[in-house]
Amino acid sequence: MNTSKRVYRRENARRTKAAAVDKYKNMTDAQVADAIRGFDKFMRSEEWFVLKAQTIAKYGCTCMACKRKIGRWGDINVDHIKPRKYWPELQNDPDNLQILCGTCNKKKGNTAADYR
């Protein structure tokens, strides 16, 4: 890699870091962590916890896409069939939820796919 490309990348990284500092400067550490991880209040709410538990009780611990048994609670992804990003009115609808493993959930992304 030539020197000019390295200098450009270094300067670009500095600008990106400065922009991030400005973006998060009025937030608490917890708010910054949540923003970086992409969490929102709904995903930490008691209502979501109850919906998640009810969905796991209803469908079990098997990925509905690949049929793999999911052994740990933390590895179970309760997925919105129609993503909250596009259908926010369905975020609390138990009929819009399914069980996926992390790999299948990542493959699905923000698309509407029903594996039930």
C-alpha atoms as a PDB file:
ATOM      1  CA  MET A   1       0.000   0.000   0.000  1.00  0.00           C
ATOM      2  CA  ASN A   2       1.448   3.356  -0.906  1.00  0.00           C
ATOM      3  CA  THR A   3       1.965   6.141   1.609  1.00  0.00           C
ATOM      4  CA  SER A   4      -0.785   8.435   0.268  1.00  0.00           C
ATOM      5  CA  LYS A   5      -3.438   5.737   0.773  1.00  0.00           C
ATOM      6  CA  ARG A   6      -2.259   5.166   4.349  1.00  0.00           C
ATOM      7  CA  VAL A   7      -2.381   8.877   5.129  1.00  0.00           C
ATOM      8  CA  TYR A   8      -5.863   9.178   3.583  1.00  0.00           C
ATOM      9  CA  ARG A   9      -7.164   6.216   5.631  1.00  0.00           C
ATOM     10  CA  ARG A  10      -5.634   7.624   8.818  1.00  0.00           C
ATOM     11  CA  GLU A  11      -7.203  11.057   8.227  1.00  0.00           C
ATOM     12  CA  ASN A  12     -10.541   9.487   7.331  1.00  0.00           C
ATOM     13  CA  ALA A  13     -10.452   7.432  10.551  1.00  0.00           C
ATOM     14  CA  ARG A  14      -9.764  10.598  12.570  1.00  0.00           C
ATOM     15  CA  ARG A  15     -12.744  12.372  10.978  1.00  0.00           C
ATOM     16  CA  THR A  16     -14.980   9.364  11.664  1.00  0.00           C
ATOM     17  CA  LYS A  17     -13.896   9.236  15.327  1.00  0.00           C
ATOM     18  CA  ALA A  18     -14.481  12.979  15.706  1.00  0.00           C
ATOM     19  CA  ALA A  19     -17.971  12.630  14.226  1.00  0.00           C
ATOM     20  CA  ALA A  20     -18.743   9.762  16.626  1.00  0.00           C
ATOM     21  CA  VAL A  21     -17.582  11.819  19.605  1.00  0.00           C
ATOM     22  CA  ASP A  22     -19.853  14.707  18.543  1.00  0.00           C
ATOM     23  CA  LYS A  23     -22.781  12.355  17.988  1.00  0.00           C
ATOM     24  CA  TYR A  24     -22.561  10.723  21.426  1.00  0.00           C
ATOM     25  CA  LYS A  25     -21.173  13.554  23.585  1.00  0.00           C
ATOM     26  CA  ASN A  26     -24.473  14.305  25.407  1.00  0.00           C
ATOM     27  CA  MET A  27     -25.327  10.644  26.096  1.00  0.00           C
ATOM     28  CA  THR A  28     -24.637   8.497  29.135  1.00  0.00           C
ATOM     29  CA  ASP A  29     -22.375   5.466  28.777  1.00  0.00           C
ATOM     30  CA  ALA A  30     -25.418   3.155  28.766  1.00  0.00           C
ATOM     31  CA  GLN A  31     -27.110   5.204  26.040  1.00  0.00           C
ATOM     32  CA  VAL A  32     -23.965   5.128  23.907  1.00  0.00           C
ATOM     33  CA  ALA A  33     -23.681   1.356  24.341  1.00  0.00           C
ATOM     34  CA  ASP A  34     -27.338   0.907  23.389  1.00  0.00           C
ATOM     35  CA  ALA A  35     -26.974   3.168  20.343  1.00  0.00           C
ATOM     36  CA  ILE A  36     -23.898   1.276  19.154  1.00  0.00           C
ATOM     37  CA  ARG A  37     -25.610  -2.091  19.628  1.00  0.00           C
ATOM     38  CA  GLY A  38     -28.790  -0.804  17.972  1.00  0.00           C
ATOM     39  CA  PHE A  39     -31.013  -1.534  20.979  1.00  0.00           C
ATOM     40  CA  ASP A  40     -34.145   0.395  21.649  1.00  0.00           C
ATOM     41  CA  LYS A  41     -36.500   0.606  24.608  1.00  0.00           C
ATOM     42  CA  PHE A  42     -38.923  -1.980  23.214  1.00  0.00           C
ATOM     43  CA  MET A  43     -36.305  -4.743  23.148  1.00  0.00           C
ATOM     44  CA  ARG A  44     -35.548  -4.109  26.837  1.00  0.00           C
ATOM     45  CA  SER A  45     -39.160  -3.764  27.951  1.00  0.00           C
ATOM     46  CA  GLU A  46     -41.041  -6.155  30.196  1.00  0.00           C
ATOM     47  CA  GLU A  47     -43.678  -6.478  27.483  1.00  0.00           C
ATOM     48  CA  TRP A  48     -41.081  -7.837  25.017  1.00  0.00           C
ATOM     49  CA  PHE A  49     -39.670 -10.197  27.655  1.00  0.00           C
ATOM     50  CA  VAL A  50     -43.160 -11.638  28.247  1.00  0.00           C
ATOM     51  CA  LEU A  51     -43.852 -11.962  24.489  1.00  0.00           C
ATOM     52  CA  LYS A  52     -40.501 -13.662  23.999  1.00  0.00           C
ATOM     53  CA  ALA A  53     -41.155 -16.136  26.831  1.00  0.00           C
ATOM     54  CA  GLN A  54     -44.668 -16.892  25.521  1.00  0.00           C
ATOM     55  CA  THR A  55     -43.332 -17.479  22.009  1.00  0.00           C
ATOM     56  CA  ILE A  56     -40.618 -19.850  23.251  1.00  0.00           C
ATOM     57  CA  ALA A  57     -43.215 -21.702  25.351  1.00  0.00           C
ATOM     58  CA  LYS A  58     -45.513 -21.963  22.325  1.00  0.00           C
ATOM     59  CA  TYR A  59     -42.964 -23.058  19.685  1.00  0.00           C
ATOM     60  CA  GLY A  60     -40.146 -24.596  21.725  1.00  0.00           C
ATOM     61  CA  CYS A  61     -36.388 -24.234  21.263  1.00  0.00           C
ATOM     62  CA  THR A  62     -36.016 -25.395  17.670  1.00  0.00           C
ATOM     63  CA  CYS A  63     -35.115 -23.056  14.812  1.00  0.00           C
ATOM     64  CA  MET A  64     -38.083 -22.888  12.477  1.00  0.00           C
ATOM     65  CA  ALA A  65     -35.888 -22.331   9.420  1.00  0.00           C
ATOM     66  CA  CYS A  66     -33.125 -24.952   9.738  1.00  0.00           C
ATOM     67  CA  LYS A  67     -34.829 -27.179  12.375  1.00  0.00           C
ATOM     68  CA  ARG A  68     -31.717 -27.114  14.604  1.00  0.00           C
ATOM     69  CA  LYS A  69     -32.273 -27.562  18.350  1.00  0.00           C
ATOM     70  CA  ILE A  70     -31.157 -24.431  20.234  1.00  0.00           C
ATOM     71  CA  GLY A  71     -29.632 -25.394  23.574  1.00  0.00           C
ATOM     72  CA  ARG A  72     -29.226 -22.099  25.430  1.00  0.00           C
ATOM     73  CA  TRP A  73     -31.805 -19.398  26.173  1.00  0.00           C
ATOM     74  CA  GLY A  74     -29.376 -16.689  25.068  1.00  0.00           C
ATOM     75  CA  ASP A  75     -28.971 -18.279  21.632  1.00  0.00           C
ATOM     76  CA  ILE A  76     -32.712 -18.255  20.867  1.00  0.00           C
ATOM     77  CA  ASN A  77     -33.804 -15.433  18.581  1.00  0.00           C
ATOM     78  CA  VAL A  78     -37.490 -14.557  18.740  1.00  0.00           C
ATOM     79  CA  ASP A  79     -37.875 -12.965  15.329  1.00  0.00           C
ATOM     80  CA  HIS A  80     -40.558 -10.670  13.943  1.00  0.00           C
ATOM     81  CA  ILE A  81     -41.803 -12.313  10.735  1.00  0.00           C
ATOM     82  CA  LYS A  82     -42.660  -8.881   9.354  1.00  0.00           C
ATOM     83  CA  PRO A  83     -39.805  -6.685  10.617  1.00  0.00           C
ATOM     84  CA  ARG A  84     -40.581  -3.920  13.113  1.00  0.00           C
ATOM     85  CA  LYS A  85     -38.687  -1.525  10.873  1.00  0.00           C
ATOM     86  CA  TYR A  86     -41.409  -1.744   8.207  1.00  0.00           C
ATOM     87  CA  TRP A  87     -44.418  -2.898  10.265  1.00  0.00           C
ATOM     88  CA  PRO A  88     -44.075  -1.224  13.699  1.00  0.00           C
ATOM     89  CA  GLU A  89     -47.762  -1.785  14.397  1.00  0.00           C
ATOM     90  CA  LEU A  90     -47.106  -5.569  14.494  1.00  0.00           C
ATOM     91  CA  GLN A  91     -44.295  -5.494  17.074  1.00  0.00           C
ATOM     92  CA  ASN A  92     -46.595  -6.734  19.879  1.00  0.00           C
ATOM     93  CA  ASP A  93     -48.541  -9.231  17.767  1.00  0.00           C
ATOM     94  CA  PRO A  94     -47.772 -12.805  18.938  1.00  0.00           C
ATOM     95  CA  ASP A  95     -48.794 -14.084  15.488  1.00  0.00           C
ATOM     96  CA  ASN A  96     -45.895 -12.111  13.999  1.00  0.00           C
ATOM     97  CA  LEU A  97     -43.217 -13.988  15.970  1.00  0.00           C
ATOM     98  CA  GLN A  98     -41.147 -17.090  15.239  1.00  0.00           C
ATOM     99  CA  ILE A  99     -38.114 -18.881  16.690  1.00  0.00           C
ATOM    100  CA  LEU A 100     -34.823 -18.703  14.769  1.00  0.00           C
ATOM    101  CA  CYS A 101     -31.217 -19.539  15.547  1.00  0.00           C
ATOM    102  CA  GLY A 102     -28.723 -16.693  15.265  1.00  0.00           C
ATOM    103  CA  THR A 103     -27.443 -17.825  11.858  1.00  0.00           C
ATOM    104  CA  CYS A 104     -30.898 -18.037  10.289  1.00  0.00           C
ATOM    105  CA  ASN A 105     -31.985 -14.760  11.882  1.00  0.00           C
ATOM    106  CA  LYS A 106     -28.934 -13.024  10.433  1.00  0.00           C
ATOM    107  CA  LYS A 107     -29.622 -14.514   6.967  1.00  0.00           C
ATOM    108  CA  LYS A 108     -33.250 -13.375   7.136  1.00  0.00           C
ATOM    109  CA  GLY A 109     -32.293  -9.818   8.047  1.00  0.00           C
ATOM    110  CA  ASN A 110     -35.047  -7.237   7.547  1.00  0.00           C
ATOM    111  CA  THR A 111     -37.047  -9.301   5.091  1.00  0.00           C
ATOM    112  CA  ALA A 112     -40.502 -10.720   5.674  1.00  0.00           C
ATOM    113  CA  ALA A 113     -40.130 -14.511   5.841  1.00  0.00           C
ATOM    114  CA  ASP A 114     -42.419 -16.914   7.670  1.00  0.00           C
ATOM    115  CA  TYR A 115     -40.824 -20.261   8.557  1.00  0.00           C
ATOM    116  CA  ARG A 116     -43.649 -21.567  10.757  1.00  0.00           C
END
